[in-house]
Amino acid sequence: MKRAQYSLILKDLNKKMVFIVGPRQVGKTWISLEIAKGIKNHIYLNYDEIEDRKIIESKSWLPDVELIIFDELHKMPKWKNYIKGVYDTKELGTKIIVTGSARLDTFRKAGDALSGRFFAHRLYPLTVSELENPSENDFNRLLVRGGFPEPFLAESIDEANRWRRQYIDGLIRSDILDFEKIHDFRAIQLVFKLLQKKVGSPVSYQSIAEDVNISSTTVKKYIEIFEALFIIFRVTPFSKNIARSILKEPKIYFFDTGLVIGDEGAVFENQMALELLKNQHAICDYKGIDAELYYLRSKDKKELDFCLVQNNEIELAIEIKLSENKISSDLKYFTDRYPFKGIQLVKNLRNEYKSGNIEVRKAFDWLLSQKKTFLR
C-alpha cells in the first residue's frame, strides 16, 4: 500500500532535507525505503545499530551516494548540529531523509539552526481520507483495529490484538522511559490507563492526580510526554485568546483508536477526531494555511465536539453522534448565535437532511466527500 504522502515527500526531497515524524510503527522507515528503491545509490543508517553508528559518526559513506536515510538520529548527542553540518557540506544533489520519534517534531517547533533547511512531514495512521476506494467495511475495520498499517492489514483480529499488546509494552517500557527518566513507573502506567477511559471528555489534571496520588503538575508532565511521542493528541476549547484556550481542560484522543477503552460511541468519536486532525494538518502542511482542530464550550456549559478553524476563524462546527437523527440542541445553540455552518456527523443514519445552516450527514459518506482535502 503506497502512502498518500509518498509523492509529496519525493517532491520536497529535491529542494531540502525531509524530516518524517509520527508515531512508532506508523510506517516512517517503510516509506523512506520505498522512496530509496527509486534511487540507485542510497544508504540507510540506523543510529541504534552499532555498525551504522560508526558510519554516522565518522561520516564515512561513499561520496557518490544520492540519498542518505538517517533513522533514530535524535538519540545522537547534539544531533541537530550534526545534521546541519552534514546538510551544509553534502555533495551537490545528495538527498537526506531523517526519520524518528516525535522529538524531531518537538525540535522543529522550537526553532533552531536547522531553520530553512528542511520540510517536515507528519505521517499519521491510515484514515478514510487515505484509503483507496474505501468501503464502509473498511471504515468499520478502522474502528476495530485502528489505522496503524500492521494491525489494519493483519489477516485476523487475533494478529491485530497481538500487535497492539506488544505495541503498548514498547510504548511504556521503551519509548517513554527512553524519552525522559521516570521515577514512578506505576504512576505513569495508571495515568495512561485512565486516559484510555476518558476519551472524548474534558480531562481534569487535578482529578487524575487525586486518582493516582500524584501532583497535577506531574500529570501534566506525563500527558505532555504522551503527546510529544504521538501517543495522544489534545483538542483544546477554541478561543480567540489562544493562550487562554490552552489553559482550559483539553479533550484527549489516541492516535491508535484501538487503545480506546469505552463504548462504540467513544471509539467512533476518537476515529473522527483523528480523521479531522489529519486533514487539518494536511491543509496546514501542504497548503500553508493555519488550520487547527478545537472543540467549543460556552460559559453556560454548552459544548460541541469539534470545530475546524482556519486563520483563527471557525469554518465549521461539528457534532459527532453514533445513532441520532435529531439535531443536537447544543449545535443549534451555537449556529443560531454565530455566523458559521454546523454539521452533525452520524455513524448509523438512514436519511441525510438539512435544516437551516445545519446538515445532518452520514459520517462515512461525508468523509468520502472530504478526501480531496488530504492531498494525494
Protein backbone atom coordinates (compact mmCIF):
# COMPACT_ATOMS: atom_id res chain seq x y z
CA MET A 1 0.00 0.00 0.00
CA LYS A 2 1.54 3.31 -1.11
CA ARG A 3 1.06 6.09 1.44
CA ALA A 4 -0.57 9.27 0.13
CA GLN A 5 2.41 11.42 1.14
CA TYR A 6 4.88 9.43 -0.98
CA SER A 7 4.85 11.85 -3.93
CA LEU A 8 4.85 14.90 -1.67
CA ILE A 9 7.95 13.71 0.19
CA LEU A 10 9.66 12.87 -3.09
CA LYS A 11 8.92 16.37 -4.39
CA ASP A 12 10.29 18.05 -1.27
CA LEU A 13 13.47 15.94 -1.38
CA ASN A 14 14.51 17.82 -4.48
CA LYS A 15 14.51 21.09 -2.50
CA LYS A 16 15.60 20.46 1.10
CA MET A 17 16.09 17.78 3.73
CA VAL A 18 12.93 15.92 4.69
CA PHE A 19 12.03 15.08 8.30
CA ILE A 20 9.36 12.38 8.64
CA VAL A 21 7.76 12.41 12.08
CA GLY A 22 4.94 10.44 13.65
CA PRO A 23 4.06 7.55 15.96
CA ARG A 24 6.27 4.49 16.24
CA GLN A 25 5.43 1.74 13.72
CA VAL A 26 3.27 4.06 11.60
CA GLY A 27 5.48 3.48 8.54
CA LYS A 28 8.18 6.19 8.60
CA THR A 29 11.05 3.80 7.81
CA TRP A 30 8.94 1.87 5.29
CA ILE A 31 8.04 4.94 3.22
CA SER A 32 11.69 6.09 3.29
CA LEU A 33 12.89 2.75 1.97
CA GLU A 34 10.17 2.75 -0.69
CA ILE A 35 11.50 6.10 -1.91
CA ALA A 36 15.04 4.70 -1.80
CA LYS A 37 14.06 1.95 -4.25
CA GLY A 38 13.87 4.57 -6.98
CA ILE A 39 17.34 5.96 -6.22
CA LYS A 40 20.28 3.81 -7.31
CA ASN A 41 22.91 4.87 -4.77
CA HIS A 42 21.32 5.15 -1.34
CA ILE A 43 22.25 4.23 2.21
CA TYR A 44 20.08 3.56 5.25
CA LEU A 45 21.71 4.26 8.61
CA ASN A 46 20.04 3.45 11.94
CA TYR A 47 21.70 5.06 14.96
CA ASP A 48 20.62 2.10 17.11
CA GLU A 49 22.84 -0.23 15.06
CA ILE A 50 26.49 -0.22 16.19
CA GLU A 51 27.98 -0.53 12.69
CA ASP A 52 25.67 2.15 11.32
CA ARG A 53 26.53 4.41 14.25
CA LYS A 54 30.23 4.22 13.37
CA ILE A 55 29.47 5.29 9.79
CA ILE A 56 27.27 8.12 11.04
CA GLU A 57 29.82 9.46 13.50
CA SER A 58 32.70 9.27 11.00
CA LYS A 59 30.56 10.38 8.02
CA SER A 60 32.20 7.56 6.07
CA TRP A 61 29.52 6.88 3.45
CA LEU A 62 30.68 6.91 -0.16
CA PRO A 63 30.84 10.34 -1.81
CA ASP A 64 28.62 9.27 -4.74
CA VAL A 65 25.65 8.37 -2.51
CA GLU A 66 22.49 10.07 -3.78
CA LEU A 67 20.23 9.52 -0.77
CA ILE A 68 21.06 9.17 2.93
CA ILE A 69 18.34 7.96 5.31
CA PHE A 70 19.06 8.64 8.98
CA ASP A 71 16.85 6.68 11.41
CA GLU A 72 16.72 7.31 15.17
CA LEU A 73 19.28 10.10 14.76
CA HIS A 74 17.69 12.08 17.60
CA LYS A 75 19.38 9.67 20.03
CA MET A 76 22.76 11.07 18.99
CA PRO A 77 24.13 13.81 21.28
CA LYS A 78 23.88 17.21 19.59
CA TRP A 79 22.21 15.63 16.57
CA LYS A 80 20.88 18.97 15.32
CA ASN A 81 24.35 20.42 14.92
CA TYR A 82 25.47 17.16 13.32
CA ILE A 83 22.74 17.06 10.66
CA LYS A 84 23.16 20.79 9.98
CA GLY A 85 26.84 20.13 9.25
CA VAL A 86 26.02 17.16 7.00
CA TYR A 87 23.47 19.20 5.05
CA ASP A 88 25.71 22.25 4.66
CA THR A 89 28.71 20.21 3.41
CA LYS A 90 26.98 17.46 1.41
CA GLU A 91 27.75 16.78 -2.23
CA LEU A 92 25.57 18.67 -4.69
CA GLY A 93 22.43 16.65 -5.40
CA THR A 94 22.65 14.43 -2.31
CA LYS A 95 19.23 13.99 -0.72
CA ILE A 96 18.64 13.48 3.03
CA ILE A 97 15.72 11.93 4.91
CA VAL A 98 15.63 12.00 8.72
CA THR A 99 13.06 9.79 10.45
CA GLY A 100 12.40 9.06 14.07
CA SER A 101 10.25 9.84 17.07
CA ALA A 102 8.21 12.94 17.81
CA ARG A 103 11.26 14.57 19.32
CA LEU A 104 12.13 15.68 15.79
CA ASP A 105 8.79 17.48 15.66
CA THR A 106 9.37 18.97 19.11
CA PHE A 107 12.68 20.45 17.99
CA ARG A 108 11.08 21.65 14.77
CA LYS A 109 8.57 23.69 16.75
CA ALA A 110 11.27 25.09 19.00
CA GLY A 111 13.16 26.63 16.09
CA ASP A 112 16.95 26.46 15.85
CA ALA A 113 19.87 26.45 13.43
CA LEU A 114 18.04 23.93 11.21
CA SER A 115 15.51 26.58 10.26
CA GLY A 116 15.05 26.82 6.49
CA ARG A 117 16.95 23.61 5.78
CA PHE A 118 14.12 21.06 5.85
CA PHE A 119 10.48 20.24 5.24
CA ALA A 120 8.62 18.26 7.91
CA HIS A 121 6.02 15.61 7.04
CA ARG A 122 3.68 14.25 9.70
CA LEU A 123 2.92 10.61 8.95
CA TYR A 124 -0.23 9.50 10.77
CA PRO A 125 -2.20 6.23 10.89
CA LEU A 126 -4.42 5.32 7.95
CA THR A 127 -7.81 7.01 7.76
CA VAL A 128 -10.67 7.07 5.25
CA SER A 129 -9.03 10.09 3.60
CA GLU A 130 -6.00 7.99 2.64
CA LEU A 131 -7.53 4.62 1.72
CA GLU A 132 -8.00 3.78 -1.96
CA ASN A 133 -11.70 3.35 -2.82
CA PRO A 134 -12.73 2.74 0.82
CA SER A 135 -15.96 0.98 1.74
CA GLU A 136 -17.99 1.14 4.94
CA ASN A 137 -16.44 -2.21 5.86
CA ASP A 138 -13.02 -0.52 5.68
CA PHE A 139 -14.29 2.23 7.98
CA ASN A 140 -15.59 -0.33 10.47
CA ARG A 141 -12.24 -2.11 10.26
CA LEU A 142 -10.51 1.15 11.22
CA LEU A 143 -12.81 1.45 14.24
CA VAL A 144 -12.00 -2.06 15.42
CA ARG A 145 -8.30 -2.30 14.53
CA GLY A 146 -7.09 1.30 14.31
CA GLY A 147 -5.18 2.72 11.37
CA PHE A 148 -1.65 1.53 12.02
CA PRO A 149 -0.68 -0.47 8.92
CA GLU A 150 0.22 -3.78 10.57
CA PRO A 151 -2.96 -4.39 12.62
CA PHE A 152 -5.18 -2.86 9.92
CA LEU A 153 -3.80 -5.19 7.24
CA ALA A 154 -3.45 -8.25 9.51
CA GLU A 155 -5.23 -11.42 8.40
CA SER A 156 -7.13 -11.82 11.68
CA ILE A 157 -8.25 -9.76 14.66
CA ASP A 158 -6.12 -12.02 16.87
CA GLU A 159 -2.99 -10.93 15.00
CA ALA A 160 -4.05 -7.30 15.35
CA ASN A 161 -4.57 -7.75 19.10
CA ARG A 162 -1.16 -9.41 19.50
CA TRP A 163 0.46 -6.49 17.70
CA ARG A 164 -1.26 -3.98 19.99
CA ARG A 165 -0.19 -5.82 23.15
CA GLN A 166 3.45 -5.61 22.05
CA TYR A 167 2.96 -2.03 20.88
CA ILE A 168 1.70 -0.84 24.28
CA ASP A 169 4.56 -2.63 26.04
CA GLY A 170 7.04 -0.91 23.70
CA LEU A 171 5.49 2.50 24.31
CA ILE A 172 5.58 2.27 28.08
CA ARG A 173 8.81 0.36 28.64
CA SER A 174 10.94 1.70 25.81
CA ASP A 175 9.82 4.94 24.17
CA ILE A 176 8.53 6.73 27.27
CA LEU A 177 11.33 5.68 29.59
CA ASP A 178 13.88 6.49 26.89
CA PHE A 179 12.32 9.91 26.33
CA GLU A 180 12.67 11.00 29.95
CA LYS A 181 13.69 9.49 33.26
CA ILE A 182 10.50 8.45 35.00
CA HIS A 183 10.88 7.72 38.70
CA ASP A 184 7.37 6.37 39.29
CA PHE A 185 6.75 3.79 36.56
CA ARG A 186 3.49 2.62 38.16
CA ALA A 187 2.08 6.17 38.20
CA ILE A 188 2.65 6.82 34.51
CA GLN A 189 1.05 3.45 33.68
CA LEU A 190 -2.02 4.41 35.74
CA VAL A 191 -2.29 7.81 34.05
CA PHE A 192 -2.08 6.07 30.67
CA LYS A 193 -4.87 3.63 31.61
CA LEU A 194 -7.10 6.41 32.96
CA LEU A 195 -6.73 8.39 29.73
CA GLN A 196 -7.81 5.33 27.75
CA LYS A 197 -11.16 5.52 29.58
CA LYS A 198 -11.62 9.30 29.28
CA VAL A 199 -11.62 9.70 25.50
CA GLY A 200 -13.91 12.50 24.37
CA SER A 201 -14.40 14.08 27.78
CA PRO A 202 -12.63 17.18 29.10
CA VAL A 203 -9.76 15.96 31.24
CA SER A 204 -9.07 17.42 34.68
CA TYR A 205 -5.41 17.10 35.63
CA GLN A 206 -6.37 17.58 39.28
CA SER A 207 -8.91 14.75 39.16
CA ILE A 208 -6.39 12.33 37.64
CA ALA A 209 -3.78 13.47 40.18
CA GLU A 210 -6.13 12.57 43.03
CA ASP A 211 -6.89 9.16 41.50
CA VAL A 212 -3.19 8.30 41.06
CA ASN A 213 -1.99 10.10 44.21
CA ILE A 214 0.49 12.36 42.42
CA SER A 215 0.59 16.11 41.78
CA SER A 216 -1.37 17.74 38.96
CA THR A 217 1.97 19.10 37.69
CA THR A 218 3.23 15.53 37.29
CA VAL A 219 0.03 14.53 35.47
CA LYS A 220 0.52 17.42 33.06
CA LYS A 221 4.14 16.37 32.52
CA TYR A 222 3.13 12.78 31.73
CA ILE A 223 0.43 13.92 29.30
CA GLU A 224 2.94 16.19 27.55
CA ILE A 225 5.27 13.18 27.16
CA PHE A 226 2.46 11.09 25.67
CA GLU A 227 1.68 13.91 23.28
CA ALA A 228 5.33 14.50 22.32
CA LEU A 229 5.64 10.81 21.41
CA PHE A 230 2.50 10.85 19.24
CA ILE A 231 0.62 8.52 21.58
CA ILE A 232 -2.19 11.00 22.19
CA PHE A 233 -3.27 14.37 20.88
CA ARG A 234 -5.08 17.09 22.77
CA VAL A 235 -8.04 19.08 21.48
CA THR A 236 -8.48 22.32 23.41
CA PRO A 237 -11.52 24.63 23.53
CA PHE A 238 -11.43 27.34 20.89
CA SER A 239 -10.80 30.90 21.96
CA LYS A 240 -9.56 33.96 20.12
CA ASN A 241 -7.19 34.17 23.07
CA ILE A 242 -5.18 31.04 22.21
CA ALA A 243 -3.11 31.16 25.41
CA ARG A 244 -6.30 31.10 27.48
CA SER A 245 -7.65 28.22 25.40
CA ILE A 246 -4.59 26.08 26.17
CA LEU A 247 -5.12 26.57 29.90
CA LYS A 248 -8.67 25.17 29.78
CA GLU A 249 -9.37 21.46 30.14
CA PRO A 250 -8.40 19.58 26.97
CA LYS A 251 -10.04 16.53 25.49
CA ILE A 252 -7.71 13.61 24.88
CA TYR A 253 -7.69 11.27 21.87
CA PHE A 254 -5.35 8.45 20.81
CA PHE A 255 -3.52 8.12 17.51
CA ASP A 256 -4.27 4.40 17.81
CA THR A 257 -8.06 4.10 18.03
CA GLY A 258 -7.53 0.52 19.20
CA LEU A 259 -6.21 1.86 22.52
CA VAL A 260 -9.57 3.42 23.45
CA ILE A 261 -11.35 1.71 26.33
CA GLY A 262 -15.01 2.62 26.09
CA ASP A 263 -18.24 2.03 24.24
CA GLU A 264 -18.75 2.18 20.48
CA GLY A 265 -19.51 5.90 20.71
CA ALA A 266 -16.15 6.72 22.31
CA VAL A 267 -14.27 4.67 19.70
CA PHE A 268 -16.21 6.34 16.87
CA GLU A 269 -15.53 9.84 18.25
CA ASN A 270 -11.80 9.05 18.57
CA GLN A 271 -11.63 7.90 14.95
CA MET A 272 -13.48 11.01 13.76
CA ALA A 273 -11.09 13.19 15.77
CA LEU A 274 -8.14 11.53 14.04
CA GLU A 275 -9.76 11.90 10.61
CA LEU A 276 -10.34 15.62 11.24
CA LEU A 277 -6.90 16.25 12.74
CA LYS A 278 -5.13 14.55 9.86
CA ASN A 279 -6.98 16.59 7.25
CA GLN A 280 -6.44 19.86 9.14
CA HIS A 281 -2.72 19.18 9.40
CA ALA A 282 -2.60 18.35 5.68
CA ILE A 283 -4.13 21.75 4.92
CA CYS A 284 -1.55 23.37 7.19
CA ASP A 285 1.49 21.42 5.95
CA TYR A 286 0.78 21.31 2.21
CA LYS A 287 -1.27 24.44 1.57
CA GLY A 288 0.41 26.73 4.08
CA ILE A 289 -2.89 27.68 5.73
CA ASP A 290 -3.11 27.98 9.50
CA ALA A 291 -5.60 25.17 10.18
CA GLU A 292 -6.31 23.55 13.54
CA LEU A 293 -8.85 21.40 15.35
CA TYR A 294 -10.60 22.59 18.51
CA TYR A 295 -13.81 21.97 20.42
CA LEU A 296 -16.38 24.55 21.52
CA ARG A 297 -17.61 25.31 25.03
CA SER A 298 -19.69 28.28 26.22
CA LYS A 299 -19.77 29.84 29.69
CA ASP A 300 -23.14 28.20 30.33
CA LYS A 301 -21.60 24.78 29.53
CA LYS A 302 -22.99 24.34 26.03
CA GLU A 303 -20.49 22.16 24.20
CA LEU A 304 -19.71 20.90 20.69
CA ASP A 305 -17.35 18.05 19.90
CA PHE A 306 -15.20 19.84 17.30
CA CYS A 307 -14.72 22.94 15.22
CA LEU A 308 -12.48 23.34 12.19
CA VAL A 309 -10.53 26.58 12.42
CA GLN A 310 -8.58 28.32 9.66
CA ASN A 311 -6.64 31.54 10.20
CA ASN A 312 -8.16 31.76 13.69
CA GLU A 313 -11.73 31.75 12.38
CA ILE A 314 -14.25 28.91 12.76
CA GLU A 315 -15.07 27.38 9.38
CA LEU A 316 -17.33 24.56 10.56
CA ALA A 317 -18.83 23.35 13.86
CA ILE A 318 -19.17 19.57 14.18
CA GLU A 319 -21.17 17.31 16.45
CA ILE A 320 -20.49 13.55 16.44
CA LYS A 321 -23.29 11.06 17.09
CA LEU A 322 -23.39 7.29 16.91
CA SER A 323 -27.12 7.00 16.14
CA GLU A 324 -29.08 10.24 16.39
CA ASN A 325 -31.31 11.78 13.72
CA LYS A 326 -32.45 14.76 15.78
CA ILE A 327 -30.20 17.81 15.61
CA SER A 328 -28.19 18.38 18.78
CA SER A 329 -29.56 21.27 20.86
CA ASP A 330 -26.01 22.50 21.53
CA LEU A 331 -25.21 22.53 17.80
CA LYS A 332 -28.36 24.57 17.17
CA TYR A 333 -27.44 26.90 20.05
CA PHE A 334 -24.05 27.78 18.54
CA THR A 335 -25.15 28.07 14.90
CA ASP A 336 -28.10 30.29 15.87
CA ARG A 337 -25.75 32.74 17.59
CA TYR A 338 -22.63 32.70 15.44
CA PRO A 339 -22.05 33.04 11.67
CA PHE A 340 -20.67 29.61 10.87
CA LYS A 341 -22.11 26.43 9.48
CA GLY A 342 -22.80 23.33 11.51
CA ILE A 343 -22.79 19.65 10.68
CA GLN A 344 -23.90 16.62 12.65
CA LEU A 345 -22.00 13.50 11.60
CA VAL A 346 -23.80 10.27 12.45
CA LYS A 347 -22.39 6.79 12.02
CA ASN A 348 -25.72 4.99 11.79
CA LEU A 349 -28.02 7.25 9.77
CA ARG A 350 -30.74 6.30 7.28
CA ASN A 351 -31.56 9.67 5.71
CA GLU A 352 -29.44 12.80 5.40
CA TYR A 353 -31.11 16.21 5.58
CA LYS A 354 -30.52 19.92 6.09
CA SER A 355 -32.22 22.32 8.47
CA GLY A 356 -31.23 25.98 8.24
CA ASN A 357 -27.45 26.17 8.24
CA ILE A 358 -27.04 22.69 9.78
CA GLU A 359 -26.51 19.50 7.80
CA VAL A 360 -27.09 16.03 9.22
CA ARG A 361 -24.82 13.68 7.32
CA LYS A 362 -23.78 10.05 7.40
CA ALA A 363 -20.22 10.18 8.74
CA PHE A 364 -18.65 7.77 6.24
CA ASP A 365 -20.23 9.49 3.22
CA TRP A 366 -19.10 12.90 4.45
CA LEU A 367 -15.52 11.63 4.94
CA LEU A 368 -15.56 10.36 1.36
CA SER A 369 -16.58 13.82 0.16
CA GLN A 370 -13.63 15.33 2.05
CA LYS A 371 -10.96 13.04 0.57
CA LYS A 372 -9.78 15.80 -1.75
CA THR A 373 -8.68 17.81 1.29
CA PHE A 374 -5.96 15.27 2.09
CA LEU A 375 -3.55 15.87 -0.77
CA ARG A 376 -2.66 12.84 -2.81
